[in-house]
Amino acid sequence: MKKLILVSILLLSTYFSLTIKLSAAGSEEPDSTVILVHFDEGKGEEVNDSSSYKLLGTLNEADDSNWVEGKVGGALWLNGVDNFIRFEGNDYLNIEKQLRIEFYMKADAEQIQKRILCKSNNSTDGYQIKLNSGRIQFIIYHPDGSNTRIDSSDRVPSGEWAHIKCTYDNTTGKLKVKISDKDSGEVMVDSSKPNPDDRLIAMSGADLYIGYVPNNPSSYYKGVIDELKISNILEDKPVQPKKKASTKKKKKTKKKKAVEAK
């Protein structure tokens, strides 16, 4: 009987401990990185998201030869004919205020109006990035149906790795593009939108496509892509250094030894 009571108490304590842990985990703030794709799978048709949201992408019409050496680890080569990646649309990818998109790319050649990334329904909402005549074209769509676009002042070199960073801030109304850490253009939202609420990015129910936009067979991007990251803040928060808690303990130990010696 005593053993049965003891087992029951242990089971109850384990249950409450797990409940507390799960509640604490559920109360955490959402991660500002909404998708992070390393492209390190090396084979197959699944593309994994390493952010806390764990989205799952599907690679279309591809085989193991599409998985190649990347800028960091592995990467994915898209053939410009029928390859693309689709991540099912969700609320995490709907970013209205601060948007940051980063990735490495190595285009096979200079290309016209090719989609690197698209989360937009028929160019009416959301956001997209194109490679157009060697330049990066970053577009966001507003709730009133208008859009704001920037074309990079620099060209992306074909056959070479380039790091692309596109940002938008509805507070300042600025779109910016950087190519390999070099500023490559900045534009302001039209002056007819004086308030931050007028400059929001329109919510989109579209899926996220990499390398293609639906119903446009001429939009396929040809080249390699690696280390894709989309965030809802402009810059990552710096990691706070850990406090040095061991120093005081060492001093106390030394003092104690000094007293004992006397």
C-alpha atoms as a PDB file:
ATOM      1  CA  MET A   1       0.000   0.000   0.000  1.00  0.00           C
ATOM      2  CA  LYS A   2       2.820   2.392   0.966  1.00  0.00           C
ATOM      3  CA  LYS A   3       4.610   1.600  -2.318  1.00  0.00           C
ATOM      4  CA  LEU A   4       1.437   2.404  -4.280  1.00  0.00           C
ATOM      5  CA  ILE A   5       1.052   5.760  -2.512  1.00  0.00           C
ATOM      6  CA  LEU A   6       4.728   6.591  -3.154  1.00  0.00           C
ATOM      7  CA  VAL A   7       4.412   5.766  -6.866  1.00  0.00           C
ATOM      8  CA  SER A   8       1.268   7.928  -7.113  1.00  0.00           C
ATOM      9  CA  ILE A   9       3.049  10.880  -5.490  1.00  0.00           C
ATOM     10  CA  LEU A  10       5.997  10.533  -7.888  1.00  0.00           C
ATOM     11  CA  LEU A  11       3.701  10.419 -10.917  1.00  0.00           C
ATOM     12  CA  LEU A  12       1.793  13.506  -9.757  1.00  0.00           C
ATOM     13  CA  SER A  13       4.989  15.476  -9.136  1.00  0.00           C
ATOM     14  CA  THR A  14       6.295  14.544 -12.604  1.00  0.00           C
ATOM     15  CA  TYR A  15       2.998  15.638 -14.182  1.00  0.00           C
ATOM     16  CA  PHE A  16       3.006  19.038 -12.471  1.00  0.00           C
ATOM     17  CA  SER A  17       6.681  19.557 -13.320  1.00  0.00           C
ATOM     18  CA  LEU A  18       6.022  18.910 -17.018  1.00  0.00           C
ATOM     19  CA  THR A  19       2.945  21.164 -16.961  1.00  0.00           C
ATOM     20  CA  ILE A  20       4.974  24.052 -15.532  1.00  0.00           C
ATOM     21  CA  LYS A  21       7.731  23.572 -18.137  1.00  0.00           C
ATOM     22  CA  LEU A  22       5.258  23.509 -21.027  1.00  0.00           C
ATOM     23  CA  SER A  23       3.464  26.599 -19.720  1.00  0.00           C
ATOM     24  CA  ALA A  24       6.743  28.470 -19.433  1.00  0.00           C
ATOM     25  CA  ALA A  25       7.753  27.473 -22.966  1.00  0.00           C
ATOM     26  CA  GLY A  26       4.407  28.628 -24.349  1.00  0.00           C
ATOM     27  CA  SER A  27       4.768  32.049 -22.739  1.00  0.00           C
ATOM     28  CA  GLU A  28       8.000  32.887 -24.586  1.00  0.00           C
ATOM     29  CA  GLU A  29       7.979  35.733 -27.098  1.00  0.00           C
ATOM     30  CA  PRO A  30       7.977  34.633 -30.769  1.00  0.00           C
ATOM     31  CA  ASP A  31      11.391  34.546 -32.429  1.00  0.00           C
ATOM     32  CA  SER A  32      12.027  37.520 -34.727  1.00  0.00           C
ATOM     33  CA  THR A  33      13.493  35.175 -37.361  1.00  0.00           C
ATOM     34  CA  VAL A  34      10.444  33.754 -39.122  1.00  0.00           C
ATOM     35  CA  ILE A  35      12.355  31.458 -41.463  1.00  0.00           C
ATOM     36  CA  LEU A  36      15.982  30.324 -41.650  1.00  0.00           C
ATOM     37  CA  VAL A  37      17.013  27.904 -44.393  1.00  0.00           C
ATOM     38  CA  HIS A  38      20.573  26.546 -44.561  1.00  0.00           C
ATOM     39  CA  PHE A  39      20.002  24.215 -47.562  1.00  0.00           C
ATOM     40  CA  ASP A  40      22.239  21.574 -46.000  1.00  0.00           C
ATOM     41  CA  GLU A  41      19.985  18.544 -46.632  1.00  0.00           C
ATOM     42  CA  GLY A  42      22.156  17.284 -49.501  1.00  0.00           C
ATOM     43  CA  LYS A  43      19.389  15.159 -51.037  1.00  0.00           C
ATOM     44  CA  GLY A  44      15.637  14.685 -51.318  1.00  0.00           C
ATOM     45  CA  GLU A  45      12.715  17.022 -51.966  1.00  0.00           C
ATOM     46  CA  GLU A  46      12.239  18.458 -48.467  1.00  0.00           C
ATOM     47  CA  VAL A  47      13.757  21.794 -47.456  1.00  0.00           C
ATOM     48  CA  ASN A  48      13.918  22.415 -43.721  1.00  0.00           C
ATOM     49  CA  ASP A  49      13.510  25.629 -41.777  1.00  0.00           C
ATOM     50  CA  SER A  50      15.872  25.986 -38.796  1.00  0.00           C
ATOM     51  CA  SER A  51      13.953  28.833 -37.140  1.00  0.00           C
ATOM     52  CA  SER A  52      11.801  28.144 -34.084  1.00  0.00           C
ATOM     53  CA  TYR A  53       8.740  27.874 -36.374  1.00  0.00           C
ATOM     54  CA  LYS A  54      10.075  24.794 -38.245  1.00  0.00           C
ATOM     55  CA  LEU A  55       8.341  25.414 -41.559  1.00  0.00           C
ATOM     56  CA  LEU A  56       8.734  22.733 -44.217  1.00  0.00           C
ATOM     57  CA  GLY A  57       9.461  23.505 -47.843  1.00  0.00           C
ATOM     58  CA  THR A  58       8.967  21.292 -50.888  1.00  0.00           C
ATOM     59  CA  LEU A  59      11.391  21.240 -53.811  1.00  0.00           C
ATOM     60  CA  ASN A  60       9.723  20.878 -57.217  1.00  0.00           C
ATOM     61  CA  GLU A  61      11.011  18.678 -60.076  1.00  0.00           C
ATOM     62  CA  ALA A  62      14.468  18.135 -58.632  1.00  0.00           C
ATOM     63  CA  ASP A  63      16.860  15.335 -57.750  1.00  0.00           C
ATOM     64  CA  ASP A  64      20.033  14.978 -55.709  1.00  0.00           C
ATOM     65  CA  SER A  65      22.066  16.820 -58.364  1.00  0.00           C
ATOM     66  CA  ASN A  66      20.345  20.056 -57.309  1.00  0.00           C
ATOM     67  CA  TRP A  67      22.093  19.894 -53.951  1.00  0.00           C
ATOM     68  CA  VAL A  68      25.508  21.499 -54.350  1.00  0.00           C
ATOM     69  CA  GLU A  69      28.334  23.040 -52.364  1.00  0.00           C
ATOM     70  CA  GLY A  70      27.283  26.372 -50.913  1.00  0.00           C
ATOM     71  CA  LYS A  71      28.757  29.508 -49.453  1.00  0.00           C
ATOM     72  CA  VAL A  72      28.244  27.927 -46.023  1.00  0.00           C
ATOM     73  CA  GLY A  73      27.870  24.135 -46.047  1.00  0.00           C
ATOM     74  CA  GLY A  74      25.442  22.952 -48.713  1.00  0.00           C
ATOM     75  CA  ALA A  75      23.233  24.954 -51.072  1.00  0.00           C
ATOM     76  CA  LEU A  76      20.536  24.483 -53.686  1.00  0.00           C
ATOM     77  CA  TRP A  77      20.917  24.992 -57.426  1.00  0.00           C
ATOM     78  CA  LEU A  78      17.743  25.839 -59.372  1.00  0.00           C
ATOM     79  CA  ASN A  79      17.762  25.023 -63.090  1.00  0.00           C
ATOM     80  CA  GLY A  80      15.701  27.976 -64.383  1.00  0.00           C
ATOM     81  CA  VAL A  81      13.226  25.609 -66.063  1.00  0.00           C
ATOM     82  CA  ASP A  82      10.982  23.921 -63.494  1.00  0.00           C
ATOM     83  CA  ASN A  83      12.788  24.014 -60.121  1.00  0.00           C
ATOM     84  CA  PHE A  84      11.371  25.996 -57.226  1.00  0.00           C
ATOM     85  CA  ILE A  85      10.753  25.711 -53.483  1.00  0.00           C
ATOM     86  CA  ARG A  86       7.366  26.272 -51.867  1.00  0.00           C
ATOM     87  CA  PHE A  87       6.709  26.987 -48.207  1.00  0.00           C
ATOM     88  CA  GLU A  88       3.034  26.973 -47.305  1.00  0.00           C
ATOM     89  CA  GLY A  89       1.738  30.442 -46.411  1.00  0.00           C
ATOM     90  CA  ASN A  90       1.274  31.235 -42.723  1.00  0.00           C
ATOM     91  CA  ASP A  91       0.922  34.195 -40.374  1.00  0.00           C
ATOM     92  CA  TYR A  92       4.616  34.203 -39.417  1.00  0.00           C
ATOM     93  CA  LEU A  93       5.603  35.163 -42.959  1.00  0.00           C
ATOM     94  CA  ASN A  94       3.107  38.040 -43.034  1.00  0.00           C
ATOM     95  CA  ILE A  95       5.278  40.946 -41.928  1.00  0.00           C
ATOM     96  CA  GLU A  96       3.688  44.398 -41.968  1.00  0.00           C
ATOM     97  CA  LYS A  97       6.197  46.785 -40.377  1.00  0.00           C
ATOM     98  CA  GLN A  98       9.866  45.844 -40.337  1.00  0.00           C
ATOM     99  CA  LEU A  99      11.054  43.342 -42.926  1.00  0.00           C
ATOM    100  CA  ARG A 100      14.568  42.005 -43.462  1.00  0.00           C
ATOM    101  CA  ILE A 101      15.453  39.405 -46.101  1.00  0.00           C
ATOM    102  CA  GLU A 102      18.993  38.039 -46.461  1.00  0.00           C
ATOM    103  CA  PHE A 103      20.546  35.297 -48.566  1.00  0.00           C
ATOM    104  CA  TYR A 104      23.578  34.274 -50.601  1.00  0.00           C
ATOM    105  CA  MET A 105      23.156  33.794 -54.331  1.00  0.00           C
ATOM    106  CA  LYS A 106      25.272  32.805 -57.322  1.00  0.00           C
ATOM    107  CA  ALA A 107      23.400  33.439 -60.561  1.00  0.00           C
ATOM    108  CA  ASP A 108      24.334  31.347 -63.601  1.00  0.00           C
ATOM    109  CA  ALA A 109      24.015  34.370 -65.904  1.00  0.00           C
ATOM    110  CA  GLU A 110      22.455  37.820 -66.132  1.00  0.00           C
ATOM    111  CA  GLN A 111      18.685  37.301 -66.101  1.00  0.00           C
ATOM    112  CA  ILE A 112      15.583  39.424 -66.737  1.00  0.00           C
ATOM    113  CA  GLN A 113      12.598  39.525 -64.367  1.00  0.00           C
ATOM    114  CA  LYS A 114      13.440  36.280 -62.564  1.00  0.00           C
ATOM    115  CA  ARG A 115      11.923  35.681 -59.124  1.00  0.00           C
ATOM    116  CA  ILE A 116      14.367  34.938 -56.360  1.00  0.00           C
ATOM    117  CA  LEU A 117      11.683  35.129 -53.688  1.00  0.00           C
ATOM    118  CA  CYS A 118       7.955  35.832 -53.797  1.00  0.00           C
ATOM    119  CA  LYS A 119       5.200  36.007 -51.201  1.00  0.00           C
ATOM    120  CA  SER A 120       2.520  37.849 -53.118  1.00  0.00           C
ATOM    121  CA  ASN A 121      -0.832  37.249 -54.815  1.00  0.00           C
ATOM    122  CA  ASN A 122      -0.603  38.561 -58.385  1.00  0.00           C
ATOM    123  CA  SER A 123       1.595  41.476 -57.275  1.00  0.00           C
ATOM    124  CA  THR A 124      -1.130  42.991 -55.081  1.00  0.00           C
ATOM    125  CA  ASP A 125       0.097  42.233 -51.554  1.00  0.00           C
ATOM    126  CA  GLY A 126       3.085  40.946 -49.596  1.00  0.00           C
ATOM    127  CA  TYR A 127       6.610  41.283 -50.968  1.00  0.00           C
ATOM    128  CA  GLN A 128       8.984  39.887 -53.574  1.00  0.00           C
ATOM    129  CA  ILE A 129      12.570  40.062 -54.813  1.00  0.00           C
ATOM    130  CA  LYS A 130      13.579  39.765 -58.469  1.00  0.00           C
ATOM    131  CA  LEU A 131      16.813  39.525 -60.395  1.00  0.00           C
ATOM    132  CA  ASN A 132      16.382  41.931 -63.298  1.00  0.00           C
ATOM    133  CA  SER A 133      19.204  42.600 -65.759  1.00  0.00           C
ATOM    134  CA  GLY A 134      21.710  41.784 -63.053  1.00  0.00           C
ATOM    135  CA  ARG A 135      20.156  44.128 -60.487  1.00  0.00           C
ATOM    136  CA  ILE A 136      18.198  43.276 -57.351  1.00  0.00           C
ATOM    137  CA  GLN A 137      14.617  44.525 -57.477  1.00  0.00           C
ATOM    138  CA  PHE A 138      12.861  44.631 -54.089  1.00  0.00           C
ATOM    139  CA  ILE A 139       9.113  45.358 -54.040  1.00  0.00           C
ATOM    140  CA  ILE A 140       6.567  45.696 -51.236  1.00  0.00           C
ATOM    141  CA  TYR A 141       2.815  46.117 -51.672  1.00  0.00           C
ATOM    142  CA  HIS A 142       0.613  48.367 -49.531  1.00  0.00           C
ATOM    143  CA  PRO A 143      -3.002  47.804 -48.380  1.00  0.00           C
ATOM    144  CA  ASP A 144      -4.300  50.519 -50.757  1.00  0.00           C
ATOM    145  CA  GLY A 145      -3.019  48.533 -53.755  1.00  0.00           C
ATOM    146  CA  SER A 146       0.052  50.667 -54.435  1.00  0.00           C
ATOM    147  CA  ASN A 147       3.636  49.457 -54.211  1.00  0.00           C
ATOM    148  CA  THR A 148       7.111  50.750 -53.429  1.00  0.00           C
ATOM    149  CA  ARG A 149      10.073  49.436 -55.416  1.00  0.00           C
ATOM    150  CA  ILE A 150      13.818  49.763 -55.363  1.00  0.00           C
ATOM    151  CA  ASP A 151      16.330  48.640 -57.995  1.00  0.00           C
ATOM    152  CA  SER A 152      19.879  48.184 -56.755  1.00  0.00           C
ATOM    153  CA  SER A 153      22.444  50.604 -58.136  1.00  0.00           C
ATOM    154  CA  ASP A 154      24.956  47.751 -58.445  1.00  0.00           C
ATOM    155  CA  ARG A 155      24.742  44.554 -60.447  1.00  0.00           C
ATOM    156  CA  VAL A 156      25.087  41.090 -58.976  1.00  0.00           C
ATOM    157  CA  PRO A 157      28.111  39.449 -60.637  1.00  0.00           C
ATOM    158  CA  SER A 158      27.223  36.255 -62.525  1.00  0.00           C
ATOM    159  CA  GLY A 159      28.975  33.087 -61.409  1.00  0.00           C
ATOM    160  CA  GLU A 160      30.130  34.636 -58.133  1.00  0.00           C
ATOM    161  CA  TRP A 161      28.762  34.536 -54.616  1.00  0.00           C
ATOM    162  CA  ALA A 162      27.004  37.677 -53.434  1.00  0.00           C
ATOM    163  CA  HIS A 163      25.269  38.374 -50.137  1.00  0.00           C
ATOM    164  CA  ILE A 164      21.946  40.181 -50.573  1.00  0.00           C
ATOM    165  CA  LYS A 165      20.215  42.128 -47.818  1.00  0.00           C
ATOM    166  CA  CYS A 166      16.862  43.851 -48.396  1.00  0.00           C
ATOM    167  CA  THR A 167      15.144  45.826 -45.628  1.00  0.00           C
ATOM    168  CA  TYR A 168      11.983  47.866 -45.153  1.00  0.00           C
ATOM    169  CA  ASP A 169      10.903  49.987 -42.196  1.00  0.00           C
ATOM    170  CA  ASN A 170       7.387  51.437 -42.169  1.00  0.00           C
ATOM    171  CA  THR A 171       8.414  53.970 -39.488  1.00  0.00           C
ATOM    172  CA  THR A 172      10.957  55.684 -41.751  1.00  0.00           C
ATOM    173  CA  GLY A 173       9.307  54.544 -44.983  1.00  0.00           C
ATOM    174  CA  LYS A 174      12.674  53.430 -46.388  1.00  0.00           C
ATOM    175  CA  LEU A 175      13.507  50.449 -48.589  1.00  0.00           C
ATOM    176  CA  LYS A 176      17.193  49.555 -48.757  1.00  0.00           C
ATOM    177  CA  VAL A 177      19.347  47.061 -50.617  1.00  0.00           C
ATOM    178  CA  LYS A 178      22.867  45.932 -49.779  1.00  0.00           C
ATOM    179  CA  ILE A 179      25.022  43.724 -51.997  1.00  0.00           C
ATOM    180  CA  SER A 180      27.937  42.028 -50.246  1.00  0.00           C
ATOM    181  CA  ASP A 181      27.836  44.584 -47.395  1.00  0.00           C
ATOM    182  CA  LYS A 182      27.862  47.548 -49.780  1.00  0.00           C
ATOM    183  CA  ASP A 183      24.935  50.003 -49.827  1.00  0.00           C
ATOM    184  CA  SER A 184      23.281  49.660 -53.216  1.00  0.00           C
ATOM    185  CA  GLY A 185      20.246  51.910 -53.060  1.00  0.00           C
ATOM    186  CA  GLU A 186      17.587  53.471 -50.879  1.00  0.00           C
ATOM    187  CA  VAL A 187      14.106  54.804 -51.694  1.00  0.00           C
ATOM    188  CA  MET A 188      11.290  56.372 -49.695  1.00  0.00           C
ATOM    189  CA  VAL A 189       7.629  55.447 -49.756  1.00  0.00           C
ATOM    190  CA  ASP A 190       5.558  58.018 -51.669  1.00  0.00           C
ATOM    191  CA  SER A 191       4.846  61.237 -49.745  1.00  0.00           C
ATOM    192  CA  SER A 192       1.102  60.527 -50.064  1.00  0.00           C
ATOM    193  CA  LYS A 193       1.642  58.076 -47.189  1.00  0.00           C
ATOM    194  CA  PRO A 194       2.810  60.373 -44.350  1.00  0.00           C
ATOM    195  CA  ASN A 195       1.965  58.055 -41.451  1.00  0.00           C
ATOM    196  CA  PRO A 196       3.544  54.678 -40.546  1.00  0.00           C
ATOM    197  CA  ASP A 197       0.105  53.007 -40.609  1.00  0.00           C
ATOM    198  CA  ASP A 198      -0.284  54.111 -44.235  1.00  0.00           C
ATOM    199  CA  ARG A 199       3.035  52.475 -45.079  1.00  0.00           C
ATOM    200  CA  LEU A 200       2.301  48.941 -43.878  1.00  0.00           C
ATOM    201  CA  ILE A 201       2.977  45.910 -46.067  1.00  0.00           C
ATOM    202  CA  ALA A 202      -0.323  44.362 -47.171  1.00  0.00           C
ATOM    203  CA  MET A 203      -1.022  40.976 -45.589  1.00  0.00           C
ATOM    204  CA  SER A 204      -0.829  38.121 -48.092  1.00  0.00           C
ATOM    205  CA  GLY A 205      -2.354  34.660 -48.045  1.00  0.00           C
ATOM    206  CA  ALA A 206       0.105  33.489 -50.696  1.00  0.00           C
ATOM    207  CA  ASP A 207       2.647  30.736 -50.174  1.00  0.00           C
ATOM    208  CA  LEU A 208       6.334  31.641 -50.097  1.00  0.00           C
ATOM    209  CA  TYR A 209       8.087  30.672 -53.341  1.00  0.00           C
ATOM    210  CA  ILE A 210      11.830  30.571 -53.911  1.00  0.00           C
ATOM    211  CA  GLY A 211      12.987  30.758 -57.538  1.00  0.00           C
ATOM    212  CA  TYR A 212       9.579  31.190 -59.184  1.00  0.00           C
ATOM    213  CA  VAL A 213       6.200  32.926 -59.062  1.00  0.00           C
ATOM    214  CA  PRO A 214       3.028  30.882 -59.805  1.00  0.00           C
ATOM    215  CA  ASN A 215       1.483  31.046 -63.277  1.00  0.00           C
ATOM    216  CA  ASN A 216       4.524  32.704 -64.813  1.00  0.00           C
ATOM    217  CA  PRO A 217       6.755  30.161 -66.588  1.00  0.00           C
ATOM    218  CA  SER A 218       9.221  32.882 -67.608  1.00  0.00           C
ATOM    219  CA  SER A 219       9.967  33.766 -63.963  1.00  0.00           C
ATOM    220  CA  TYR A 220      12.233  30.810 -63.070  1.00  0.00           C
ATOM    221  CA  TYR A 221      15.554  31.821 -61.509  1.00  0.00           C
ATOM    222  CA  LYS A 222      18.667  29.935 -62.616  1.00  0.00           C
ATOM    223  CA  GLY A 223      21.454  29.710 -60.087  1.00  0.00           C
ATOM    224  CA  VAL A 224      22.399  28.784 -56.533  1.00  0.00           C
ATOM    225  CA  ILE A 225      20.823  30.068 -53.326  1.00  0.00           C
ATOM    226  CA  ASP A 226      22.061  29.603 -49.763  1.00  0.00           C
ATOM    227  CA  GLU A 227      21.448  30.762 -46.176  1.00  0.00           C
ATOM    228  CA  LEU A 228      18.006  32.363 -46.589  1.00  0.00           C
ATOM    229  CA  LYS A 229      16.750  34.338 -43.605  1.00  0.00           C
ATOM    230  CA  ILE A 230      13.575  36.419 -43.203  1.00  0.00           C
ATOM    231  CA  SER A 231      13.083  38.475 -40.034  1.00  0.00           C
ATOM    232  CA  ASN A 232      10.551  40.927 -38.615  1.00  0.00           C
ATOM    233  CA  ILE A 233      13.233  43.228 -37.173  1.00  0.00           C
ATOM    234  CA  LEU A 234      15.881  45.229 -39.027  1.00  0.00           C
ATOM    235  CA  GLU A 235      18.859  44.034 -36.987  1.00  0.00           C
ATOM    236  CA  ASP A 236      19.385  41.104 -34.638  1.00  0.00           C
ATOM    237  CA  LYS A 237      19.646  42.002 -30.977  1.00  0.00           C
ATOM    238  CA  PRO A 238      23.233  41.716 -29.675  1.00  0.00           C
ATOM    239  CA  VAL A 239      23.944  38.759 -27.417  1.00  0.00           C
ATOM    240  CA  GLN A 240      24.420  39.946 -23.838  1.00  0.00           C
ATOM    241  CA  PRO A 241      27.686  38.785 -22.226  1.00  0.00           C
ATOM    242  CA  LYS A 242      27.308  36.413 -19.298  1.00  0.00           C
ATOM    243  CA  LYS A 243      27.990  37.817 -15.847  1.00  0.00           C
ATOM    244  CA  LYS A 244      31.182  36.625 -14.192  1.00  0.00           C
ATOM    245  CA  ALA A 245      29.891  34.953 -11.061  1.00  0.00           C
ATOM    246  CA  SER A 246      32.982  32.890 -10.257  1.00  0.00           C
ATOM    247  CA  THR A 247      35.375  35.773  -9.370  1.00  0.00           C
ATOM    248  CA  LYS A 248      33.832  36.577  -5.999  1.00  0.00           C
ATOM    249  CA  LYS A 249      33.784  32.927  -5.000  1.00  0.00           C
ATOM    250  CA  LYS A 250      37.512  32.641  -5.671  1.00  0.00           C
ATOM    251  CA  LYS A 251      38.214  35.735  -3.572  1.00  0.00           C
ATOM    252  CA  LYS A 252      36.177  34.360  -0.676  1.00  0.00           C
ATOM    253  CA  THR A 253      38.104  31.091  -0.844  1.00  0.00           C
ATOM    254  CA  LYS A 254      41.417  32.931  -0.702  1.00  0.00           C
ATOM    255  CA  LYS A 255      40.317  34.974   2.321  1.00  0.00           C
ATOM    256  CA  LYS A 256      39.148  31.832   4.100  1.00  0.00           C
ATOM    257  CA  LYS A 257      42.493  30.128   3.493  1.00  0.00           C
ATOM    258  CA  ALA A 258      44.323  33.206   4.777  1.00  0.00           C
ATOM    259  CA  VAL A 259      42.326  33.121   8.047  1.00  0.00           C
ATOM    260  CA  GLU A 260      43.015  29.401   8.503  1.00  0.00           C
ATOM    261  CA  ALA A 261      46.753  30.024   8.006  1.00  0.00           C
ATOM    262  CA  LYS A 262      46.781  32.522  10.880  1.00  0.00           C
END
